[in-house]
Structure formats: C-alpha cells, structure tokens
C-alpha cells in the first residue's frame, strides 16, 4: 500500500445495549472473543502483541496490535499475500498491508462500535476478500450484539464447519444451503453470499452460513452460536451438520 494506492476500505457499525467496558472486553479478551468470533482465540493484550483467530486448517488469522487504547481504539494490522480459505489451495494475492480500526463510543447508555477495515487491493484478485470481509463483519457484529444483549452470562458453543464444493458455483451452493437450513429459522441478515439469523426453538441461538467463491467452485462455511445448550446437545448438532454437509457437497473420489 502506498500514498498513490491507499487501497479500498469498508466500514461496519453496530449499536450495542451494553457498557463500553463490556464491549471492549468482547473484542480484546480471548475468552470473550471465542463466544462470537473464532472458536479458538489467543490475545497478547499490548501494543506489539498478537491476536490469533483460528477456525481450522487454512483459516488461522494472525494480526498484530498497533494501537491499544482501552475503551476507545484498537488497531490490528497484517501483511497478506493470499486468501484465507478452507479450499485445498489458497489463491495468491498482491501483498497488502491490511488494517482493522475498531472505534468505541458511549451513546445514550449504549456503545457504538465502528470498524474500518482498509488496505484491500484495487485489482480484481482482491474482490473476493474485500466483499467477503464486508459481509462477514456484518454477521460477526450481529453475533456479538446477540451475545452481549440477550445472552450475557449464558454458556455459548461456537461451532464452525466448512465444506469444499467442487465444481459448484457460489450461488448454486447458496441455494443448497438455504434448502437445508434448520427450521424454524428467523433470518435477520442477508448479503450476497451470507445468511444469518435466530433459532427460536434453541433459546434464540444464532445460525448462519457464508459461501466463498474459489477457482474450483466454492466453499461453504456454517456457523452455530448455541446459547444455553448442553455440551452433549452441541456435540449432537455438530455431528448432524458434518453429515449434512457431506451429503450436500460430496467430495470427489480419490
């Protein structure tokens, strides 16, 4: 990234009915992050420290803390030269310095959380990463708000599954996922390739999925945020959906 090419950016904003201190903890403490972001998190809480979000093989996201101003501003930076993907081969990209600026403000007893994600390349190779994060942050902030507003203090099982969809383009994969979604499901958020909403029969837990286009088809990502459910029930849901994804997107025989 240079002065001549600052890159593309997008902004995501959410108002959360929670104290600013609680929102700060939710975006900076590993245990709290694991409730709504990646299932496995580690944080070194200082300037120069690292944040690692881990959704599984190929989906380990490591950033460095550049600004740490409690209850005000968090900046995470990375240099990226490939896509984050569960696909067998990650696509290479023009190296870019990507920046995540999280800003927090108190407003009428609530907290306004704003994220500016910047530095994306202007070439077509960066389009999928740009669009994917733009929709992805909307889903993440929805999950965060639900966790803090309606389920504070409850247990949370954060389940992430994925399936490589060989030869299946993104919109076809999206339609398959919509047809297989649990019922009842109250869809609250739609983007081009994201769906997310509530499961009324599961204590208002959150279910959503995202489709990522790839050079060989697409990848389907499925996420459950189960609130107040037992370990045994969460394990049952995970087993059921591993089987369902295998049926929806059969893998080629070797």
C-alpha atoms as a PDB file:
ATOM      1  CA  UNK A   1       0.000   0.000   0.000  1.00  0.00           C
ATOM      2  CA  UNK A   2       1.356   3.407  -0.948  1.00  0.00           C
ATOM      3  CA  UNK A   3       0.256   7.046  -0.998  1.00  0.00           C
ATOM      4  CA  UNK A   4      -0.607   6.552  -4.656  1.00  0.00           C
ATOM      5  CA  UNK A   5      -2.597   3.409  -3.948  1.00  0.00           C
ATOM      6  CA  UNK A   6      -4.163   3.530  -0.443  1.00  0.00           C
ATOM      7  CA  UNK A   7      -6.405   0.615  -1.329  1.00  0.00           C
ATOM      8  CA  UNK A   8     -10.075   0.015  -0.697  1.00  0.00           C
ATOM      9  CA  UNK A   9     -11.842   0.105   2.651  1.00  0.00           C
ATOM     10  CA  UNK A  10     -15.251  -0.669   4.116  1.00  0.00           C
ATOM     11  CA  UNK A  11     -16.926   0.275   7.384  1.00  0.00           C
ATOM     12  CA  UNK A  12     -19.213  -1.682   9.713  1.00  0.00           C
ATOM     13  CA  UNK A  13     -21.139  -0.101  12.572  1.00  0.00           C
ATOM     14  CA  UNK A  14     -23.292  -1.545  15.330  1.00  0.00           C
ATOM     15  CA  UNK A  15     -25.040  -0.101  18.385  1.00  0.00           C
ATOM     16  CA  UNK A  16     -24.923  -2.463  21.368  1.00  0.00           C
ATOM     17  CA  UNK A  17     -27.001  -2.110  24.520  1.00  0.00           C
ATOM     18  CA  UNK A  18     -24.066  -2.811  26.832  1.00  0.00           C
ATOM     19  CA  UNK A  19     -21.478  -0.736  28.733  1.00  0.00           C
ATOM     20  CA  UNK A  20     -18.434   0.305  26.738  1.00  0.00           C
ATOM     21  CA  UNK A  21     -16.186  -1.682  29.102  1.00  0.00           C
ATOM     22  CA  UNK A  22     -18.058  -4.892  28.256  1.00  0.00           C
ATOM     23  CA  UNK A  23     -17.766  -4.278  24.523  1.00  0.00           C
ATOM     24  CA  UNK A  24     -14.038  -3.601  24.882  1.00  0.00           C
ATOM     25  CA  UNK A  25     -13.613  -6.919  26.695  1.00  0.00           C
ATOM     26  CA  UNK A  26     -15.612  -8.662  23.979  1.00  0.00           C
ATOM     27  CA  UNK A  27     -13.189  -7.505  21.254  1.00  0.00           C
ATOM     28  CA  UNK A  28      -9.921  -7.852  23.204  1.00  0.00           C
ATOM     29  CA  UNK A  29     -10.140 -10.842  25.578  1.00  0.00           C
ATOM     30  CA  UNK A  30      -9.616 -14.310  24.124  1.00  0.00           C
ATOM     31  CA  UNK A  31     -12.373 -15.963  26.165  1.00  0.00           C
ATOM     32  CA  UNK A  32     -14.911 -13.312  25.167  1.00  0.00           C
ATOM     33  CA  UNK A  33     -13.845 -13.276  21.508  1.00  0.00           C
ATOM     34  CA  UNK A  34     -14.348 -17.041  21.354  1.00  0.00           C
ATOM     35  CA  UNK A  35     -18.023 -16.516  22.250  1.00  0.00           C
ATOM     36  CA  UNK A  36     -18.806 -14.718  18.967  1.00  0.00           C
ATOM     37  CA  UNK A  37     -15.770 -14.653  16.632  1.00  0.00           C
ATOM     38  CA  UNK A  38     -13.481 -17.649  16.077  1.00  0.00           C
ATOM     39  CA  UNK A  39     -13.895 -20.765  18.271  1.00  0.00           C
ATOM     40  CA  UNK A  40     -10.220 -20.645  19.259  1.00  0.00           C
ATOM     41  CA  UNK A  41      -8.613 -17.317  20.127  1.00  0.00           C
ATOM     42  CA  UNK A  42      -5.376 -16.074  21.662  1.00  0.00           C
ATOM     43  CA  UNK A  43      -4.533 -12.467  22.541  1.00  0.00           C
ATOM     44  CA  UNK A  44      -1.389 -10.729  23.792  1.00  0.00           C
ATOM     45  CA  UNK A  45      -3.021  -7.552  25.177  1.00  0.00           C
ATOM     46  CA  UNK A  46      -0.421  -4.892  24.418  1.00  0.00           C
ATOM     47  CA  UNK A  47       0.988  -2.803  21.601  1.00  0.00           C
ATOM     48  CA  UNK A  48       3.145  -5.192  19.587  1.00  0.00           C
ATOM     49  CA  UNK A  49       1.187  -8.197  20.815  1.00  0.00           C
ATOM     50  CA  UNK A  50      -0.662 -10.555  18.509  1.00  0.00           C
ATOM     51  CA  UNK A  51      -4.248 -11.697  18.054  1.00  0.00           C
ATOM     52  CA  UNK A  52      -4.804 -15.139  16.531  1.00  0.00           C
ATOM     53  CA  UNK A  53      -8.240 -16.262  15.402  1.00  0.00           C
ATOM     54  CA  UNK A  54      -8.428 -19.938  14.463  1.00  0.00           C
ATOM     55  CA  UNK A  55     -11.359 -21.514  12.591  1.00  0.00           C
ATOM     56  CA  UNK A  56      -9.342 -24.560  11.464  1.00  0.00           C
ATOM     57  CA  UNK A  57      -6.780 -25.518   8.781  1.00  0.00           C
ATOM     58  CA  UNK A  58      -6.210 -22.717   6.298  1.00  0.00           C
ATOM     59  CA  UNK A  59      -8.248 -20.329   8.425  1.00  0.00           C
ATOM     60  CA  UNK A  60      -5.751 -19.121  11.023  1.00  0.00           C
ATOM     61  CA  UNK A  61      -5.811 -15.319  11.058  1.00  0.00           C
ATOM     62  CA  UNK A  62      -2.883 -13.614  12.820  1.00  0.00           C
ATOM     63  CA  UNK A  63      -2.722  -9.856  13.296  1.00  0.00           C
ATOM     64  CA  UNK A  64      -0.508  -7.522  15.311  1.00  0.00           C
ATOM     65  CA  UNK A  65      -1.785  -4.901  17.752  1.00  0.00           C
ATOM     66  CA  UNK A  66      -0.644  -1.449  16.649  1.00  0.00           C
ATOM     67  CA  UNK A  67      -2.956   0.717  18.796  1.00  0.00           C
ATOM     68  CA  UNK A  68      -4.277  -0.271  22.234  1.00  0.00           C
ATOM     69  CA  UNK A  69      -6.402   2.440  23.860  1.00  0.00           C
ATOM     70  CA  UNK A  70      -8.830   0.709  26.261  1.00  0.00           C
ATOM     71  CA  UNK A  71     -12.491   1.541  25.686  1.00  0.00           C
ATOM     72  CA  UNK A  72     -11.568   3.803  22.751  1.00  0.00           C
ATOM     73  CA  UNK A  73      -9.489   2.406  19.894  1.00  0.00           C
ATOM     74  CA  UNK A  74      -7.962  -0.914  18.843  1.00  0.00           C
ATOM     75  CA  UNK A  75      -5.911  -1.268  15.664  1.00  0.00           C
ATOM     76  CA  UNK A  76      -4.885  -4.643  14.233  1.00  0.00           C
ATOM     77  CA  UNK A  77      -2.533  -4.902  11.248  1.00  0.00           C
ATOM     78  CA  UNK A  78      -1.249  -7.647   8.969  1.00  0.00           C
ATOM     79  CA  UNK A  79       0.505  -8.102   5.650  1.00  0.00           C
ATOM     80  CA  UNK A  80      -1.451 -10.510   3.484  1.00  0.00           C
ATOM     81  CA  UNK A  81      -0.452 -12.186   0.216  1.00  0.00           C
ATOM     82  CA  UNK A  82      -3.029 -14.990  -0.009  1.00  0.00           C
ATOM     83  CA  UNK A  83      -6.675 -15.700   0.701  1.00  0.00           C
ATOM     84  CA  UNK A  84      -7.888 -17.161   3.968  1.00  0.00           C
ATOM     85  CA  UNK A  85      -9.742 -20.263   2.849  1.00  0.00           C
ATOM     86  CA  UNK A  86     -10.574 -23.859   3.657  1.00  0.00           C
ATOM     87  CA  UNK A  87     -10.058 -24.720  -0.015  1.00  0.00           C
ATOM     88  CA  UNK A  88      -7.129 -27.075  -0.712  1.00  0.00           C
ATOM     89  CA  UNK A  89      -5.128 -24.317  -2.380  1.00  0.00           C
ATOM     90  CA  UNK A  90      -5.069 -20.694  -1.241  1.00  0.00           C
ATOM     91  CA  UNK A  91      -5.022 -18.166  -4.051  1.00  0.00           C
ATOM     92  CA  UNK A  92      -2.033 -15.819  -4.025  1.00  0.00           C
ATOM     93  CA  UNK A  93      -2.614 -12.077  -3.920  1.00  0.00           C
ATOM     94  CA  UNK A  94      -0.611  -8.919  -4.397  1.00  0.00           C
ATOM     95  CA  UNK A  95       0.855  -8.312  -0.892  1.00  0.00           C
ATOM     96  CA  UNK A  96      -1.085  -5.655   1.012  1.00  0.00           C
ATOM     97  CA  UNK A  97      -0.943  -4.113   4.466  1.00  0.00           C
ATOM     98  CA  UNK A  98      -4.445  -4.564   5.876  1.00  0.00           C
ATOM     99  CA  UNK A  99      -5.653  -2.528   8.844  1.00  0.00           C
ATOM    100  CA  UNK A 100      -8.606  -3.064  11.189  1.00  0.00           C
ATOM    101  CA  UNK A 101      -9.504   0.028  13.225  1.00  0.00           C
ATOM    102  CA  UNK A 102     -12.093  -0.584  15.950  1.00  0.00           C
ATOM    103  CA  UNK A 103     -13.538   2.595  17.474  1.00  0.00           C
ATOM    104  CA  UNK A 104     -15.792   2.639  20.557  1.00  0.00           C
ATOM    105  CA  UNK A 105     -18.040   5.487  21.754  1.00  0.00           C
ATOM    106  CA  UNK A 106     -20.641   5.694  24.512  1.00  0.00           C
ATOM    107  CA  UNK A 107     -24.010   6.985  23.330  1.00  0.00           C
ATOM    108  CA  UNK A 108     -27.131   7.217  25.459  1.00  0.00           C
ATOM    109  CA  UNK A 109     -26.100   4.407  27.777  1.00  0.00           C
ATOM    110  CA  UNK A 110     -25.218   2.154  24.833  1.00  0.00           C
ATOM    111  CA  UNK A 111     -21.991   1.543  22.923  1.00  0.00           C
ATOM    112  CA  UNK A 112     -21.328   2.368  19.295  1.00  0.00           C
ATOM    113  CA  UNK A 113     -18.735   0.023  17.809  1.00  0.00           C
ATOM    114  CA  UNK A 114     -17.338   1.009  14.438  1.00  0.00           C
ATOM    115  CA  UNK A 115     -14.815  -0.928  12.364  1.00  0.00           C
ATOM    116  CA  UNK A 116     -12.911   0.472   9.395  1.00  0.00           C
ATOM    117  CA  UNK A 117     -11.172  -2.351   7.506  1.00  0.00           C
ATOM    118  CA  UNK A 118      -8.745  -0.861   4.981  1.00  0.00           C
ATOM    119  CA  UNK A 119      -5.875  -1.559   2.624  1.00  0.00           C
ATOM    120  CA  UNK A 120      -7.535  -4.022   0.238  1.00  0.00           C
ATOM    121  CA  UNK A 121      -6.007  -4.128  -3.220  1.00  0.00           C
ATOM    122  CA  UNK A 122      -7.831  -2.487  -6.105  1.00  0.00           C
ATOM    123  CA  UNK A 123      -7.238  -5.381  -8.528  1.00  0.00           C
ATOM    124  CA  UNK A 124      -9.917  -7.966  -9.294  1.00  0.00           C
ATOM    125  CA  UNK A 125      -7.843 -10.589  -7.428  1.00  0.00           C
ATOM    126  CA  UNK A 126      -8.774  -8.817  -4.198  1.00  0.00           C
ATOM    127  CA  UNK A 127     -12.512  -8.610  -4.915  1.00  0.00           C
ATOM    128  CA  UNK A 128     -13.483 -11.826  -3.124  1.00  0.00           C
ATOM    129  CA  UNK A 129     -11.536 -10.907   0.012  1.00  0.00           C
ATOM    130  CA  UNK A 130     -12.964  -7.396   0.018  1.00  0.00           C
ATOM    131  CA  UNK A 131     -16.569  -8.496  -0.453  1.00  0.00           C
ATOM    132  CA  UNK A 132     -16.192 -11.469   1.870  1.00  0.00           C
ATOM    133  CA  UNK A 133     -14.974  -9.368   4.780  1.00  0.00           C
ATOM    134  CA  UNK A 134     -17.552  -6.663   4.137  1.00  0.00           C
ATOM    135  CA  UNK A 135     -20.392  -9.174   4.534  1.00  0.00           C
ATOM    136  CA  UNK A 136     -18.539 -11.192   7.138  1.00  0.00           C
ATOM    137  CA  UNK A 137     -18.121  -8.314   9.578  1.00  0.00           C
ATOM    138  CA  UNK A 138     -21.848  -7.596   9.443  1.00  0.00           C
ATOM    139  CA  UNK A 139     -22.506 -11.177  10.514  1.00  0.00           C
ATOM    140  CA  UNK A 140     -19.816 -11.068  13.208  1.00  0.00           C
ATOM    141  CA  UNK A 141     -21.180  -7.869  14.720  1.00  0.00           C
ATOM    142  CA  UNK A 142     -24.687  -9.339  14.683  1.00  0.00           C
ATOM    143  CA  UNK A 143     -23.394 -12.337  16.651  1.00  0.00           C
ATOM    144  CA  UNK A 144     -21.561 -10.030  19.053  1.00  0.00           C
ATOM    145  CA  UNK A 145     -24.671  -7.942  19.699  1.00  0.00           C
ATOM    146  CA  UNK A 146     -26.817 -11.018  20.337  1.00  0.00           C
ATOM    147  CA  UNK A 147     -24.197 -12.399  22.726  1.00  0.00           C
ATOM    148  CA  UNK A 148     -23.962  -9.205  24.784  1.00  0.00           C
ATOM    149  CA  UNK A 149     -27.574  -8.040  24.713  1.00  0.00           C
ATOM    150  CA  UNK A 150     -29.587 -11.236  25.074  1.00  0.00           C
ATOM    151  CA  UNK A 151     -27.227 -13.920  26.326  1.00  0.00           C
ATOM    152  CA  UNK A 152     -24.722 -12.300  28.664  1.00  0.00           C
ATOM    153  CA  UNK A 153     -23.713 -14.811  31.300  1.00  0.00           C
ATOM    154  CA  UNK A 154     -25.062 -17.820  29.383  1.00  0.00           C
ATOM    155  CA  UNK A 155     -22.890 -20.610  28.031  1.00  0.00           C
ATOM    156  CA  UNK A 156     -22.026 -20.336  24.347  1.00  0.00           C
ATOM    157  CA  UNK A 157     -20.924 -23.118  21.985  1.00  0.00           C
ATOM    158  CA  UNK A 158     -19.289 -21.588  18.919  1.00  0.00           C
ATOM    159  CA  UNK A 159     -19.358 -24.231  16.170  1.00  0.00           C
ATOM    160  CA  UNK A 160     -17.691 -23.672  12.805  1.00  0.00           C
ATOM    161  CA  UNK A 161     -17.850 -26.192   9.949  1.00  0.00           C
ATOM    162  CA  UNK A 162     -16.951 -25.988   6.272  1.00  0.00           C
ATOM    163  CA  UNK A 163     -17.176 -27.993   3.080  1.00  0.00           C
ATOM    164  CA  UNK A 164     -15.323 -27.612  -0.203  1.00  0.00           C
ATOM    165  CA  UNK A 165     -17.893 -27.533  -3.018  1.00  0.00           C
ATOM    166  CA  UNK A 166     -16.001 -28.889  -6.014  1.00  0.00           C
ATOM    167  CA  UNK A 167     -17.459 -27.720  -9.325  1.00  0.00           C
ATOM    168  CA  UNK A 168     -20.375 -25.932  -7.637  1.00  0.00           C
ATOM    169  CA  UNK A 169     -20.507 -22.199  -8.208  1.00  0.00           C
ATOM    170  CA  UNK A 170     -21.305 -19.903  -5.310  1.00  0.00           C
ATOM    171  CA  UNK A 171     -24.984 -19.177  -5.998  1.00  0.00           C
ATOM    172  CA  UNK A 172     -25.790 -22.863  -6.510  1.00  0.00           C
ATOM    173  CA  UNK A 173     -24.072 -23.673  -3.207  1.00  0.00           C
ATOM    174  CA  UNK A 174     -26.034 -20.884  -1.534  1.00  0.00           C
ATOM    175  CA  UNK A 175     -29.328 -22.357  -2.737  1.00  0.00           C
ATOM    176  CA  UNK A 176     -28.385 -25.804  -1.425  1.00  0.00           C
ATOM    177  CA  UNK A 177     -27.574 -24.331   1.972  1.00  0.00           C
ATOM    178  CA  UNK A 178     -30.845 -22.389   2.107  1.00  0.00           C
ATOM    179  CA  UNK A 179     -32.784 -25.572   1.387  1.00  0.00           C
ATOM    180  CA  UNK A 180     -31.009 -27.406   4.215  1.00  0.00           C
ATOM    181  CA  UNK A 181     -31.263 -24.703   6.905  1.00  0.00           C
ATOM    182  CA  UNK A 182     -32.857 -25.714  10.222  1.00  0.00           C
ATOM    183  CA  UNK A 183     -36.463 -24.730  10.891  1.00  0.00           C
ATOM    184  CA  UNK A 184     -37.763 -22.567  12.327  1.00  0.00           C
ATOM    185  CA  UNK A 185     -35.073 -20.057  11.369  1.00  0.00           C
ATOM    186  CA  UNK A 186     -35.653 -16.315  11.598  1.00  0.00           C
ATOM    187  CA  UNK A 187     -33.308 -14.763   9.026  1.00  0.00           C
ATOM    188  CA  UNK A 188     -32.128 -11.354  10.236  1.00  0.00           C
ATOM    189  CA  UNK A 189     -29.244 -10.584   7.903  1.00  0.00           C
ATOM    190  CA  UNK A 190     -28.734 -11.177   4.181  1.00  0.00           C
ATOM    191  CA  UNK A 191     -25.846 -10.161   1.965  1.00  0.00           C
ATOM    192  CA  UNK A 192     -24.976 -11.547  -1.463  1.00  0.00           C
ATOM    193  CA  UNK A 193     -23.389 -14.695  -0.039  1.00  0.00           C
ATOM    194  CA  UNK A 194     -24.224 -14.569   3.701  1.00  0.00           C
ATOM    195  CA  UNK A 195     -27.317 -15.550   5.652  1.00  0.00           C
ATOM    196  CA  UNK A 196     -27.660 -15.250   9.430  1.00  0.00           C
ATOM    197  CA  UNK A 197     -30.488 -15.321  11.931  1.00  0.00           C
ATOM    198  CA  UNK A 198     -32.070 -16.736  15.063  1.00  0.00           C
ATOM    199  CA  UNK A 199     -33.229 -20.218  16.032  1.00  0.00           C
ATOM    200  CA  UNK A 200     -36.328 -19.530  18.188  1.00  0.00           C
ATOM    201  CA  UNK A 201     -36.579 -23.142  19.351  1.00  0.00           C
ATOM    202  CA  UNK A 202     -32.992 -23.080  20.618  1.00  0.00           C
ATOM    203  CA  UNK A 203     -33.145 -20.222  23.099  1.00  0.00           C
ATOM    204  CA  UNK A 204     -32.532 -17.623  20.390  1.00  0.00           C
ATOM    205  CA  UNK A 205     -29.267 -19.214  19.292  1.00  0.00           C
ATOM    206  CA  UNK A 206     -27.695 -17.983  16.050  1.00  0.00           C
ATOM    207  CA  UNK A 207     -27.280 -19.947  12.808  1.00  0.00           C
ATOM    208  CA  UNK A 208     -25.647 -18.655   9.662  1.00  0.00           C
ATOM    209  CA  UNK A 209     -23.629 -19.575   6.613  1.00  0.00           C
ATOM    210  CA  UNK A 210     -21.366 -17.994   4.039  1.00  0.00           C
ATOM    211  CA  UNK A 211     -20.296 -19.100   0.576  1.00  0.00           C
ATOM    212  CA  UNK A 212     -16.818 -18.220  -0.708  1.00  0.00           C
ATOM    213  CA  UNK A 213     -16.180 -18.428  -4.467  1.00  0.00           C
ATOM    214  CA  UNK A 214     -12.981 -20.242  -5.480  1.00  0.00           C
ATOM    215  CA  UNK A 215     -11.233 -21.125  -8.721  1.00  0.00           C
ATOM    216  CA  UNK A 216     -12.527 -24.721  -8.444  1.00  0.00           C
ATOM    217  CA  UNK A 217     -16.095 -23.930  -7.340  1.00  0.00           C
ATOM    218  CA  UNK A 218     -16.800 -22.602  -3.861  1.00  0.00           C
ATOM    219  CA  UNK A 219     -16.532 -23.284  -0.121  1.00  0.00           C
ATOM    220  CA  UNK A 220     -19.490 -23.352   2.279  1.00  0.00           C
ATOM    221  CA  UNK A 221     -18.927 -22.158   5.850  1.00  0.00           C
ATOM    222  CA  UNK A 222     -21.523 -22.941   8.519  1.00  0.00           C
ATOM    223  CA  UNK A 223     -21.656 -21.379  11.975  1.00  0.00           C
ATOM    224  CA  UNK A 224     -23.783 -22.089  15.028  1.00  0.00           C
ATOM    225  CA  UNK A 225     -23.684 -19.946  18.154  1.00  0.00           C
ATOM    226  CA  UNK A 226     -25.624 -22.069  20.618  1.00  0.00           C
ATOM    227  CA  UNK A 227     -26.642 -20.286  23.816  1.00  0.00           C
ATOM    228  CA  UNK A 228     -27.581 -22.157  26.983  1.00  0.00           C
ATOM    229  CA  UNK A 229     -27.264 -25.587  25.341  1.00  0.00           C
ATOM    230  CA  UNK A 230     -25.585 -28.602  26.934  1.00  0.00           C
ATOM    231  CA  UNK A 231     -22.245 -29.948  25.755  1.00  0.00           C
ATOM    232  CA  UNK A 232     -23.983 -33.113  24.606  1.00  0.00           C
ATOM    233  CA  UNK A 233     -26.537 -31.208  22.536  1.00  0.00           C
ATOM    234  CA  UNK A 234     -23.856 -29.042  20.954  1.00  0.00           C
ATOM    235  CA  UNK A 235     -21.892 -32.177  20.034  1.00  0.00           C
ATOM    236  CA  UNK A 236     -25.037 -33.695  18.506  1.00  0.00           C
ATOM    237  CA  UNK A 237     -25.633 -30.590  16.370  1.00  0.00           C
ATOM    238  CA  UNK A 238     -22.041 -30.663  15.165  1.00  0.00           C
ATOM    239  CA  UNK A 239     -22.234 -34.361  14.207  1.00  0.00           C
ATOM    240  CA  UNK A 240     -25.544 -33.856  12.428  1.00  0.00           C
ATOM    241  CA  UNK A 241     -24.210 -30.975  10.354  1.00  0.00           C
ATOM    242  CA  UNK A 242     -20.970 -32.684   9.449  1.00  0.00           C
ATOM    243  CA  UNK A 243     -23.100 -35.420   7.950  1.00  0.00           C
ATOM    244  CA  UNK A 244     -25.446 -32.968   6.271  1.00  0.00           C
ATOM    245  CA  UNK A 245     -22.574 -31.064   4.614  1.00  0.00           C
ATOM    246  CA  UNK A 246     -21.127 -34.353   3.354  1.00  0.00           C
ATOM    247  CA  UNK A 247     -24.474 -35.124   1.711  1.00  0.00           C
ATOM    248  CA  UNK A 248     -24.945 -31.629   0.263  1.00  0.00           C
ATOM    249  CA  UNK A 249     -21.433 -31.375  -1.159  1.00  0.00           C
ATOM    250  CA  UNK A 250     -19.999 -34.854  -1.878  1.00  0.00           C
ATOM    251  CA  UNK A 251     -16.234 -34.944  -2.184  1.00  0.00           C
ATOM    252  CA  UNK A 252     -14.684 -36.404  -5.368  1.00  0.00           C
ATOM    253  CA  UNK A 253     -13.425 -39.958  -5.082  1.00  0.00           C
ATOM    254  CA  UNK A 254      -9.649 -40.234  -4.954  1.00  0.00           C
END
